[in-house]
Amino acid sequence: MPSECRWIILAQDGRHVTMGRAAPPSEAEVEAAAAALAAQGLAGWLARLDGHYWSRRRVALTLVQTLGDGASLDWPAAIAAFEADRKAATAPR
């Protein structure tokens, strides 16, 4: 199974949303996502996810751009929260 690539917006608490798969999001889309985070009092990152999101296998996250005030952000903690959420979502039921 070939690897999949997608661009996501990742918040500090692990919440995330896919921004695109075939191509990275436009500058306007990234700016809109940053504004939506700021409106909620949040900051986060644009990241590239490589791997199959819905598999139980590990995926790789690469930080592309910080969105908002990144002074208090903790990338490793956000990745850990993201992985915990993804693991719960892909757990057998």
N, C-alpha and C. Protein backbone atom coordinates (compact mmCIF):
# COMPACT_ATOMS: atom_id res chain seq x y z
N MET A 1 0.85 -1.17 0.00
CA MET A 1 0.00 0.00 0.00
C MET A 1 0.90 1.24 0.00
N PRO A 2 0.79 2.09 -1.03
CA PRO A 2 1.64 3.29 -1.07
C PRO A 2 1.27 4.27 0.04
N SER A 3 2.26 5.02 0.47
CA SER A 3 2.05 5.98 1.54
C SER A 3 1.17 7.13 1.05
N GLU A 4 0.46 7.72 1.98
CA GLU A 4 -0.43 8.83 1.70
C GLU A 4 0.15 10.10 2.29
N CYS A 5 -0.10 11.22 1.65
CA CYS A 5 0.36 12.51 2.16
C CYS A 5 -0.85 13.42 2.28
N ARG A 6 -0.93 14.13 3.39
CA ARG A 6 -1.98 15.13 3.57
C ARG A 6 -1.42 16.27 4.40
N TRP A 7 -2.02 17.44 4.27
CA TRP A 7 -1.64 18.60 5.06
C TRP A 7 -2.74 18.82 6.08
N ILE A 8 -2.33 19.04 7.32
CA ILE A 8 -3.31 19.22 8.40
C ILE A 8 -3.01 20.49 9.17
N ILE A 9 -4.03 20.99 9.84
CA ILE A 9 -3.86 22.03 10.85
C ILE A 9 -3.94 21.29 12.18
N LEU A 10 -2.91 21.43 13.00
CA LEU A 10 -2.82 20.74 14.27
C LEU A 10 -2.83 21.76 15.40
N ALA A 11 -3.75 21.58 16.34
CA ALA A 11 -3.82 22.45 17.52
C ALA A 11 -3.00 21.82 18.65
N GLN A 12 -2.68 22.60 19.64
CA GLN A 12 -1.85 22.15 20.77
C GLN A 12 -2.42 20.90 21.45
N ASP A 13 -3.74 20.81 21.53
CA ASP A 13 -4.36 19.69 22.24
C ASP A 13 -4.56 18.44 21.38
N GLY A 14 -4.02 18.45 20.17
CA GLY A 14 -4.10 17.29 19.29
C GLY A 14 -5.25 17.33 18.30
N ARG A 15 -6.19 18.25 18.49
CA ARG A 15 -7.26 18.37 17.50
C ARG A 15 -6.65 18.75 16.16
N HIS A 16 -7.26 18.30 15.09
CA HIS A 16 -6.68 18.55 13.78
C HIS A 16 -7.76 18.48 12.70
N VAL A 17 -7.44 19.07 11.58
CA VAL A 17 -8.33 19.06 10.42
C VAL A 17 -7.46 18.94 9.18
N THR A 18 -7.91 18.14 8.22
CA THR A 18 -7.18 17.99 6.96
C THR A 18 -7.44 19.20 6.09
N MET A 19 -6.37 19.76 5.53
CA MET A 19 -6.47 20.92 4.65
C MET A 19 -6.34 20.54 3.17
N GLY A 20 -5.75 19.41 2.89
CA GLY A 20 -5.61 19.00 1.50
C GLY A 20 -4.82 17.72 1.38
N ARG A 21 -4.98 17.06 0.25
CA ARG A 21 -4.26 15.82 0.00
C ARG A 21 -3.46 15.89 -1.29
N ALA A 22 -4.04 16.34 -2.37
CA ALA A 22 -3.37 16.33 -3.66
C ALA A 22 -2.28 17.40 -3.75
N ALA A 23 -2.48 18.49 -3.03
CA ALA A 23 -1.54 19.61 -3.07
C ALA A 23 -1.61 20.34 -1.75
N PRO A 24 -0.54 21.04 -1.38
CA PRO A 24 -0.60 21.81 -0.13
C PRO A 24 -1.65 22.91 -0.23
N PRO A 25 -2.18 23.35 0.92
CA PRO A 25 -3.18 24.41 0.89
C PRO A 25 -2.57 25.72 0.39
N SER A 26 -3.42 26.55 -0.15
CA SER A 26 -2.97 27.86 -0.64
C SER A 26 -2.66 28.76 0.54
N GLU A 27 -1.96 29.84 0.26
CA GLU A 27 -1.65 30.82 1.31
C GLU A 27 -2.94 31.37 1.91
N ALA A 28 -3.95 31.61 1.08
CA ALA A 28 -5.23 32.12 1.57
C ALA A 28 -5.91 31.11 2.50
N GLU A 29 -5.83 29.82 2.18
CA GLU A 29 -6.43 28.80 3.03
C GLU A 29 -5.71 28.72 4.38
N VAL A 30 -4.39 28.84 4.35
CA VAL A 30 -3.61 28.81 5.59
C VAL A 30 -3.93 30.04 6.44
N GLU A 31 -4.04 31.20 5.81
CA GLU A 31 -4.38 32.42 6.55
C GLU A 31 -5.77 32.31 7.17
N ALA A 32 -6.72 31.72 6.45
CA ALA A 32 -8.07 31.54 6.99
C ALA A 32 -8.05 30.58 8.18
N ALA A 33 -7.26 29.53 8.10
CA ALA A 33 -7.14 28.58 9.22
C ALA A 33 -6.52 29.25 10.43
N ALA A 34 -5.49 30.06 10.20
CA ALA A 34 -4.84 30.78 11.30
C ALA A 34 -5.82 31.74 11.96
N ALA A 35 -6.63 32.42 11.15
CA ALA A 35 -7.63 33.35 11.69
C ALA A 35 -8.69 32.59 12.50
N ALA A 36 -9.10 31.41 12.03
CA ALA A 36 -10.09 30.61 12.75
C ALA A 36 -9.53 30.14 14.09
N LEU A 37 -8.27 29.75 14.11
CA LEU A 37 -7.63 29.37 15.38
C LEU A 37 -7.59 30.56 16.33
N ALA A 38 -7.14 31.71 15.82
CA ALA A 38 -7.02 32.92 16.65
C ALA A 38 -8.38 33.34 17.21
N ALA A 39 -9.44 33.18 16.43
CA ALA A 39 -10.78 33.54 16.89
C ALA A 39 -11.20 32.69 18.09
N GLN A 40 -10.60 31.50 18.22
CA GLN A 40 -10.90 30.62 19.35
C GLN A 40 -9.85 30.75 20.46
N GLY A 41 -8.93 31.71 20.28
CA GLY A 41 -7.87 31.91 21.26
C GLY A 41 -6.81 30.83 21.20
N LEU A 42 -6.66 30.21 20.04
CA LEU A 42 -5.71 29.12 19.87
C LEU A 42 -4.62 29.47 18.87
N ALA A 43 -3.56 28.72 18.94
CA ALA A 43 -2.50 28.76 17.94
C ALA A 43 -2.25 27.31 17.56
N GLY A 44 -1.50 27.10 16.52
CA GLY A 44 -1.22 25.72 16.10
C GLY A 44 -0.21 25.70 14.98
N TRP A 45 -0.31 24.67 14.17
CA TRP A 45 0.67 24.49 13.10
C TRP A 45 -0.02 23.98 11.84
N LEU A 46 0.59 24.31 10.71
CA LEU A 46 0.34 23.61 9.46
C LEU A 46 1.39 22.52 9.44
N ALA A 47 0.96 21.29 9.24
CA ALA A 47 1.88 20.15 9.25
C ALA A 47 1.59 19.24 8.07
N ARG A 48 2.61 18.50 7.66
CA ARG A 48 2.45 17.49 6.63
C ARG A 48 2.42 16.13 7.33
N LEU A 49 1.42 15.34 6.99
CA LEU A 49 1.26 14.00 7.55
C LEU A 49 1.57 13.00 6.45
N ASP A 50 2.53 12.13 6.70
CA ASP A 50 2.88 11.07 5.76
C ASP A 50 2.56 9.73 6.41
N GLY A 51 1.81 8.91 5.71
CA GLY A 51 1.39 7.61 6.22
C GLY A 51 -0.12 7.50 6.07
N HIS A 52 -0.66 6.39 6.49
CA HIS A 52 -2.10 6.15 6.37
C HIS A 52 -2.78 6.50 7.69
N TYR A 53 -3.53 7.58 7.67
CA TYR A 53 -4.17 8.09 8.89
C TYR A 53 -5.00 7.02 9.59
N TRP A 54 -5.77 6.25 8.85
CA TRP A 54 -6.70 5.30 9.46
C TRP A 54 -6.09 3.94 9.74
N SER A 55 -4.80 3.78 9.54
CA SER A 55 -4.15 2.52 9.89
C SER A 55 -3.65 2.60 11.33
N ARG A 56 -3.29 1.48 11.87
CA ARG A 56 -2.74 1.44 13.23
C ARG A 56 -1.23 1.72 13.21
N ARG A 57 -0.66 1.83 12.02
CA ARG A 57 0.77 2.09 11.90
C ARG A 57 1.08 3.55 12.21
N ARG A 58 2.32 3.76 12.56
CA ARG A 58 2.79 5.11 12.88
C ARG A 58 2.76 5.99 11.63
N VAL A 59 2.45 7.25 11.81
CA VAL A 59 2.53 8.24 10.74
C VAL A 59 3.61 9.25 11.12
N ALA A 60 4.09 9.97 10.14
CA ALA A 60 5.11 11.00 10.40
C ALA A 60 4.47 12.38 10.22
N LEU A 61 4.70 13.25 11.18
CA LEU A 61 4.25 14.64 11.10
C LEU A 61 5.46 15.55 10.95
N THR A 62 5.40 16.43 9.97
CA THR A 62 6.46 17.40 9.74
C THR A 62 5.88 18.79 9.89
N LEU A 63 6.46 19.58 10.78
CA LEU A 63 6.01 20.95 10.99
C LEU A 63 6.35 21.77 9.74
N VAL A 64 5.35 22.44 9.19
CA VAL A 64 5.56 23.28 8.00
C VAL A 64 5.57 24.75 8.39
N GLN A 65 4.61 25.15 9.23
CA GLN A 65 4.48 26.56 9.58
C GLN A 65 3.72 26.71 10.90
N THR A 66 4.18 27.61 11.75
CA THR A 66 3.45 27.92 12.98
C THR A 66 2.35 28.92 12.64
N LEU A 67 1.17 28.70 13.21
CA LEU A 67 0.03 29.58 12.98
C LEU A 67 -0.34 30.26 14.29
N GLY A 68 -0.28 31.56 14.31
CA GLY A 68 -0.59 32.30 15.53
C GLY A 68 0.64 32.49 16.39
N ASP A 69 0.40 32.83 17.65
CA ASP A 69 1.48 33.08 18.59
C ASP A 69 2.03 31.74 19.07
N GLY A 70 3.16 31.36 18.54
CA GLY A 70 3.74 30.06 18.85
C GLY A 70 4.61 30.04 20.09
N ALA A 71 4.68 31.14 20.83
CA ALA A 71 5.59 31.23 21.97
C ALA A 71 5.30 30.18 23.04
N SER A 72 4.03 29.87 23.24
CA SER A 72 3.68 28.93 24.30
C SER A 72 3.37 27.53 23.78
N LEU A 73 3.58 27.29 22.49
CA LEU A 73 3.25 26.00 21.91
C LEU A 73 4.33 24.96 22.18
N ASP A 74 3.91 23.73 22.29
CA ASP A 74 4.81 22.60 22.55
C ASP A 74 4.54 21.53 21.50
N TRP A 75 5.36 21.51 20.44
CA TRP A 75 5.19 20.58 19.32
C TRP A 75 5.19 19.12 19.78
N PRO A 76 6.16 18.67 20.58
CA PRO A 76 6.13 17.26 21.02
C PRO A 76 4.85 16.89 21.79
N ALA A 77 4.36 17.78 22.62
CA ALA A 77 3.12 17.50 23.36
C ALA A 77 1.92 17.42 22.41
N ALA A 78 1.89 18.28 21.41
CA ALA A 78 0.80 18.26 20.43
C ALA A 78 0.82 16.96 19.63
N ILE A 79 2.01 16.50 19.26
CA ILE A 79 2.12 15.23 18.53
C ILE A 79 1.63 14.08 19.40
N ALA A 80 2.00 14.08 20.67
CA ALA A 80 1.56 13.02 21.58
C ALA A 80 0.03 13.02 21.71
N ALA A 81 -0.56 14.19 21.83
CA ALA A 81 -2.02 14.29 21.93
C ALA A 81 -2.68 13.84 20.62
N PHE A 82 -2.11 14.23 19.50
CA PHE A 82 -2.61 13.81 18.19
C PHE A 82 -2.57 12.29 18.07
N GLU A 83 -1.45 11.68 18.43
CA GLU A 83 -1.31 10.23 18.34
C GLU A 83 -2.29 9.51 19.26
N ALA A 84 -2.52 10.04 20.44
CA ALA A 84 -3.49 9.43 21.36
C ALA A 84 -4.90 9.48 20.76
N ASP A 85 -5.27 10.62 20.17
CA ASP A 85 -6.58 10.75 19.54
C ASP A 85 -6.71 9.81 18.35
N ARG A 86 -5.67 9.74 17.53
CA ARG A 86 -5.69 8.88 16.34
C ARG A 86 -5.76 7.41 16.75
N LYS A 87 -5.02 7.04 17.79
CA LYS A 87 -5.04 5.65 18.26
C LYS A 87 -6.45 5.29 18.74
N ALA A 88 -7.10 6.19 19.46
CA ALA A 88 -8.45 5.93 19.94
C ALA A 88 -9.42 5.81 18.76
N ALA A 89 -9.24 6.65 17.74
CA ALA A 89 -10.14 6.63 16.58
C ALA A 89 -9.97 5.38 15.73
N THR A 90 -8.80 4.77 15.76
CA THR A 90 -8.54 3.60 14.92
C THR A 90 -8.58 2.30 15.70
N ALA A 91 -8.91 2.37 16.98
CA ALA A 91 -8.97 1.16 17.81
C ALA A 91 -10.12 0.26 17.34
N PRO A 92 -9.89 -1.04 17.35
CA PRO A 92 -10.98 -1.96 17.01
C PRO A 92 -12.14 -1.81 18.00
N ARG A 93 -13.33 -1.93 17.51
CA ARG A 93 -14.50 -1.77 18.37
C ARG A 93 -15.23 -3.08 18.52
